[in-house]
Amino acid sequence: MLFNSYVFLFAFLPVTLLGFFFLSRWRGAVAAQLWLTLASIAFYGWSGWRLLPLLFASILINFTIGRGLIMRHTTRRPTEWLLAFGILFNLLLLGYFKYAGFLTTTINALADLDWHLGDVVLPVGISFYTFTQVAFLVDAARGEAREYDLPRYALFVS
């Protein structure tokens, strides 16, 4: 679904906004945040539901790493190795989905090989949510991440 499509403009956006305003008024901020998170996940899933586990896993893994960074920062323990691991995880994930096909094709052409990687489908928004999470990990390591719970984090990322 594109932002300028009729489905987005006349169905998805109005339903999302009405749901948000209704829930925030009658059920509170937590319900409205949950609604926006589910709407964001539906938006990502519109292009292919089979890639949603990747988004969920990325959110959970980065949430866990970020939590560890925040705890280590508050106890004044070194965070460099955990931050490096988190950044490396995210860059490898992004690199695989964006560049694995290109690398395989290039190596095959240069070395006269016939390696087949299979179809690597590029998840919608992977660059956005990967770099958003890297920025969060850096903020967590610096002690600048203030509010930290899974529902808010999932909304932040999605």
C-alpha atoms as a PDB file:
ATOM      1  CA  MET A   1       0.000   0.000   0.000  1.00  0.00           C
ATOM      2  CA  LEU A   2       1.396   3.338  -1.006  1.00  0.00           C
ATOM      3  CA  PHE A   3       0.753   6.589   0.845  1.00  0.00           C
ATOM      4  CA  ASN A   4      -0.872   8.072  -2.248  1.00  0.00           C
ATOM      5  CA  SER A   5      -3.086   5.073  -3.036  1.00  0.00           C
ATOM      6  CA  TYR A   6      -6.874   5.236  -2.744  1.00  0.00           C
ATOM      7  CA  VAL A   7      -6.850   2.359  -0.273  1.00  0.00           C
ATOM      8  CA  PHE A   8      -4.522   4.262   2.029  1.00  0.00           C
ATOM      9  CA  LEU A   9      -6.167   7.686   1.668  1.00  0.00           C
ATOM     10  CA  PHE A  10      -9.819   6.660   1.812  1.00  0.00           C
ATOM     11  CA  ALA A  11      -9.777   3.498   3.929  1.00  0.00           C
ATOM     12  CA  PHE A  12      -6.627   2.835   5.952  1.00  0.00           C
ATOM     13  CA  LEU A  13      -5.868   6.402   7.087  1.00  0.00           C
ATOM     14  CA  PRO A  14      -9.436   7.365   8.094  1.00  0.00           C
ATOM     15  CA  VAL A  15      -9.988   4.074   9.966  1.00  0.00           C
ATOM     16  CA  THR A  16      -6.630   4.445  11.720  1.00  0.00           C
ATOM     17  CA  LEU A  17      -7.298   8.061  12.730  1.00  0.00           C
ATOM     18  CA  LEU A  18     -10.861   7.394  13.876  1.00  0.00           C
ATOM     19  CA  GLY A  19      -9.712   4.386  15.883  1.00  0.00           C
ATOM     20  CA  PHE A  20      -6.915   6.407  17.473  1.00  0.00           C
ATOM     21  CA  PHE A  21      -9.151   9.334  18.474  1.00  0.00           C
ATOM     22  CA  PHE A  22     -11.937   7.069  19.704  1.00  0.00           C
ATOM     23  CA  LEU A  23      -9.612   4.911  21.776  1.00  0.00           C
ATOM     24  CA  SER A  24      -7.614   7.820  23.186  1.00  0.00           C
ATOM     25  CA  ARG A  25     -10.822   9.512  24.334  1.00  0.00           C
ATOM     26  CA  TRP A  26     -12.708   6.482  25.662  1.00  0.00           C
ATOM     27  CA  ARG A  27     -10.015   3.974  26.610  1.00  0.00           C
ATOM     28  CA  GLY A  28      -6.897   6.050  27.245  1.00  0.00           C
ATOM     29  CA  ALA A  29      -3.427   6.542  25.833  1.00  0.00           C
ATOM     30  CA  VAL A  30      -2.280   2.931  26.161  1.00  0.00           C
ATOM     31  CA  ALA A  31      -5.181   1.629  24.058  1.00  0.00           C
ATOM     32  CA  ALA A  32      -4.571   4.336  21.450  1.00  0.00           C
ATOM     33  CA  GLN A  33      -0.858   3.478  21.323  1.00  0.00           C
ATOM     34  CA  LEU A  34      -1.677  -0.204  20.910  1.00  0.00           C
ATOM     35  CA  TRP A  35      -4.089   0.679  18.085  1.00  0.00           C
ATOM     36  CA  LEU A  36      -1.407   2.702  16.268  1.00  0.00           C
ATOM     37  CA  THR A  37       1.091  -0.126  16.708  1.00  0.00           C
ATOM     38  CA  LEU A  38      -1.349  -2.651  15.235  1.00  0.00           C
ATOM     39  CA  ALA A  39      -2.158  -0.264  12.375  1.00  0.00           C
ATOM     40  CA  SER A  40       1.556   0.173  11.655  1.00  0.00           C
ATOM     41  CA  ILE A  41       2.066  -3.589  11.641  1.00  0.00           C
ATOM     42  CA  ALA A  42      -0.908  -3.965   9.290  1.00  0.00           C
ATOM     43  CA  PHE A  43       0.636  -1.333   7.017  1.00  0.00           C
ATOM     44  CA  TYR A  44       3.946  -3.235   6.919  1.00  0.00           C
ATOM     45  CA  GLY A  45       2.115  -6.519   6.451  1.00  0.00           C
ATOM     46  CA  TRP A  46       0.073  -5.215   3.527  1.00  0.00           C
ATOM     47  CA  SER A  47       3.017  -5.828   1.200  1.00  0.00           C
ATOM     48  CA  GLY A  48       3.649  -9.334   2.502  1.00  0.00           C
ATOM     49  CA  TRP A  49       2.595 -10.909   5.782  1.00  0.00           C
ATOM     50  CA  ARG A  50       5.335 -13.508   5.636  1.00  0.00           C
ATOM     51  CA  LEU A  51       7.967 -10.854   6.460  1.00  0.00           C
ATOM     52  CA  LEU A  52       6.260  -9.686   9.665  1.00  0.00           C
ATOM     53  CA  PRO A  53       8.142 -12.207  11.848  1.00  0.00           C
ATOM     54  CA  LEU A  54      11.329 -10.408  10.789  1.00  0.00           C
ATOM     55  CA  LEU A  55       9.933  -7.108  12.064  1.00  0.00           C
ATOM     56  CA  PHE A  56       8.768  -8.737  15.306  1.00  0.00           C
ATOM     57  CA  ALA A  57      12.105 -10.474  15.866  1.00  0.00           C
ATOM     58  CA  SER A  58      14.017  -7.283  15.128  1.00  0.00           C
ATOM     59  CA  ILE A  59      11.872  -5.339  17.612  1.00  0.00           C
ATOM     60  CA  LEU A  60      12.247  -7.969  20.344  1.00  0.00           C
ATOM     61  CA  ILE A  61      15.990  -8.433  19.884  1.00  0.00           C
ATOM     62  CA  ASN A  62      16.696  -4.699  19.797  1.00  0.00           C
ATOM     63  CA  PHE A  63      14.366  -4.106  22.755  1.00  0.00           C
ATOM     64  CA  THR A  64      16.323  -6.691  24.751  1.00  0.00           C
ATOM     65  CA  ILE A  65      19.692  -5.232  23.739  1.00  0.00           C
ATOM     66  CA  GLY A  66      18.452  -1.717  24.519  1.00  0.00           C
ATOM     67  CA  ARG A  67      17.216  -2.832  27.924  1.00  0.00           C
ATOM     68  CA  GLY A  68      20.632  -4.321  28.627  1.00  0.00           C
ATOM     69  CA  LEU A  69      22.319  -1.099  27.530  1.00  0.00           C
ATOM     70  CA  ILE A  70      20.099   0.988  29.791  1.00  0.00           C
ATOM     71  CA  MET A  71      20.742  -1.295  32.769  1.00  0.00           C
ATOM     72  CA  ARG A  72      24.477  -1.305  32.154  1.00  0.00           C
ATOM     73  CA  HIS A  73      24.511   2.477  31.799  1.00  0.00           C
ATOM     74  CA  THR A  74      22.695   3.006  35.095  1.00  0.00           C
ATOM     75  CA  THR A  75      25.194   0.767  36.916  1.00  0.00           C
ATOM     76  CA  ARG A  76      28.119   2.497  35.146  1.00  0.00           C
ATOM     77  CA  ARG A  77      29.284  -0.755  33.550  1.00  0.00           C
ATOM     78  CA  PRO A  78      30.860  -0.698  30.093  1.00  0.00           C
ATOM     79  CA  THR A  79      28.318  -0.806  27.272  1.00  0.00           C
ATOM     80  CA  GLU A  80      30.629  -0.783  24.256  1.00  0.00           C
ATOM     81  CA  TRP A  81      30.554  -4.519  23.483  1.00  0.00           C
ATOM     82  CA  LEU A  82      26.772  -4.742  23.792  1.00  0.00           C
ATOM     83  CA  LEU A  83      26.292  -1.649  21.641  1.00  0.00           C
ATOM     84  CA  ALA A  84      28.728  -3.026  19.045  1.00  0.00           C
ATOM     85  CA  PHE A  85      26.825  -6.334  19.021  1.00  0.00           C
ATOM     86  CA  GLY A  86      23.496  -4.536  18.541  1.00  0.00           C
ATOM     87  CA  ILE A  87      24.785  -2.385  15.702  1.00  0.00           C
ATOM     88  CA  LEU A  88      26.452  -5.369  14.039  1.00  0.00           C
ATOM     89  CA  PHE A  89      23.247  -7.411  14.313  1.00  0.00           C
ATOM     90  CA  ASN A  90      21.240  -4.634  12.646  1.00  0.00           C
ATOM     91  CA  LEU A  91      23.764  -3.980   9.892  1.00  0.00           C
ATOM     92  CA  LEU A  92      24.086  -7.685   9.077  1.00  0.00           C
ATOM     93  CA  LEU A  93      20.312  -8.004   8.909  1.00  0.00           C
ATOM     94  CA  LEU A  94      20.039  -4.991   6.633  1.00  0.00           C
ATOM     95  CA  GLY A  95      23.029  -6.078   4.568  1.00  0.00           C
ATOM     96  CA  TYR A  96      21.598  -9.523   3.971  1.00  0.00           C
ATOM     97  CA  PHE A  97      18.252  -8.303   2.705  1.00  0.00           C
ATOM     98  CA  LYS A  98      19.576  -5.391   0.672  1.00  0.00           C
ATOM     99  CA  TYR A  99      22.899  -6.642  -0.661  1.00  0.00           C
ATOM    100  CA  ALA A 100      23.101 -10.445  -0.535  1.00  0.00           C
ATOM    101  CA  GLY A 101      21.704 -10.838  -4.039  1.00  0.00           C
ATOM    102  CA  PHE A 102      24.033  -8.190  -5.421  1.00  0.00           C
ATOM    103  CA  LEU A 103      27.049  -9.759  -3.699  1.00  0.00           C
ATOM    104  CA  THR A 104      26.205 -13.243  -4.944  1.00  0.00           C
ATOM    105  CA  THR A 105      25.762 -11.987  -8.508  1.00  0.00           C
ATOM    106  CA  THR A 106      29.033 -10.037  -8.344  1.00  0.00           C
ATOM    107  CA  ILE A 107      31.026 -12.956  -6.931  1.00  0.00           C
ATOM    108  CA  ASN A 108      29.515 -15.294  -9.532  1.00  0.00           C
ATOM    109  CA  ALA A 109      30.538 -12.922 -12.325  1.00  0.00           C
ATOM    110  CA  LEU A 110      34.053 -12.277 -11.013  1.00  0.00           C
ATOM    111  CA  ALA A 111      34.929 -15.837 -10.019  1.00  0.00           C
ATOM    112  CA  ASP A 112      32.953 -17.645 -12.716  1.00  0.00           C
ATOM    113  CA  LEU A 113      30.860 -19.453 -10.116  1.00  0.00           C
ATOM    114  CA  ASP A 114      27.237 -20.505 -10.082  1.00  0.00           C
ATOM    115  CA  TRP A 115      26.078 -19.867  -6.518  1.00  0.00           C
ATOM    116  CA  HIS A 116      22.359 -19.504  -5.967  1.00  0.00           C
ATOM    117  CA  LEU A 117      21.057 -17.687  -2.933  1.00  0.00           C
ATOM    118  CA  GLY A 118      17.381 -18.036  -3.705  1.00  0.00           C
ATOM    119  CA  ASP A 119      14.864 -15.257  -3.767  1.00  0.00           C
ATOM    120  CA  VAL A 120      15.631 -12.632  -1.137  1.00  0.00           C
ATOM    121  CA  VAL A 121      12.582 -10.415  -0.765  1.00  0.00           C
ATOM    122  CA  LEU A 122      13.310  -6.910   0.467  1.00  0.00           C
ATOM    123  CA  PRO A 123      11.023  -6.142   3.426  1.00  0.00           C
ATOM    124  CA  VAL A 124       9.164  -2.847   3.231  1.00  0.00           C
ATOM    125  CA  GLY A 125      10.765  -0.221   5.451  1.00  0.00           C
ATOM    126  CA  ILE A 126      13.705  -2.350   6.594  1.00  0.00           C
ATOM    127  CA  SER A 127      16.146   0.546   6.265  1.00  0.00           C
ATOM    128  CA  PHE A 128      13.845   2.815   8.262  1.00  0.00           C
ATOM    129  CA  TYR A 129      13.217   0.476  11.157  1.00  0.00           C
ATOM    130  CA  THR A 130      16.800  -0.778  11.236  1.00  0.00           C
ATOM    131  CA  PHE A 131      18.368   2.676  11.453  1.00  0.00           C
ATOM    132  CA  THR A 132      15.678   3.797  13.910  1.00  0.00           C
ATOM    133  CA  GLN A 133      16.678   0.936  16.181  1.00  0.00           C
ATOM    134  CA  VAL A 134      20.406   1.630  15.780  1.00  0.00           C
ATOM    135  CA  ALA A 135      19.775   5.234  16.828  1.00  0.00           C
ATOM    136  CA  PHE A 136      17.814   3.969  19.831  1.00  0.00           C
ATOM    137  CA  LEU A 137      20.643   1.634  20.852  1.00  0.00           C
ATOM    138  CA  VAL A 138      23.115   4.521  20.700  1.00  0.00           C
ATOM    139  CA  ASP A 139      20.782   6.674  22.802  1.00  0.00           C
ATOM    140  CA  ALA A 140      20.341   3.826  25.289  1.00  0.00           C
ATOM    141  CA  ALA A 141      24.114   3.395  25.603  1.00  0.00           C
ATOM    142  CA  ARG A 142      24.478   7.134  26.244  1.00  0.00           C
ATOM    143  CA  GLY A 143      21.733   7.071  28.875  1.00  0.00           C
ATOM    144  CA  GLU A 144      19.454   9.308  26.814  1.00  0.00           C
ATOM    145  CA  ALA A 145      16.580   6.828  26.409  1.00  0.00           C
ATOM    146  CA  ARG A 146      14.103   7.836  29.103  1.00  0.00           C
ATOM    147  CA  GLU A 147      10.859   5.910  28.613  1.00  0.00           C
ATOM    148  CA  TYR A 148      11.323   2.266  27.948  1.00  0.00           C
ATOM    149  CA  ASP A 149       8.585  -0.328  27.674  1.00  0.00           C
ATOM    150  CA  LEU A 150       7.801  -2.791  24.893  1.00  0.00           C
ATOM    151  CA  PRO A 151       4.490  -1.297  23.661  1.00  0.00           C
ATOM    152  CA  ARG A 152       5.975   2.185  23.270  1.00  0.00           C
ATOM    153  CA  TYR A 153       9.124   0.793  21.724  1.00  0.00           C
ATOM    154  CA  ALA A 154       7.131  -1.236  19.181  1.00  0.00           C
ATOM    155  CA  LEU A 155       5.158   1.891  18.256  1.00  0.00           C
ATOM    156  CA  PHE A 156       8.370   3.915  17.993  1.00  0.00           C
ATOM    157  CA  VAL A 157       9.930   1.403  15.619  1.00  0.00           C
ATOM    158  CA  SER A 158       6.873   0.613  13.521  1.00  0.00           C
END
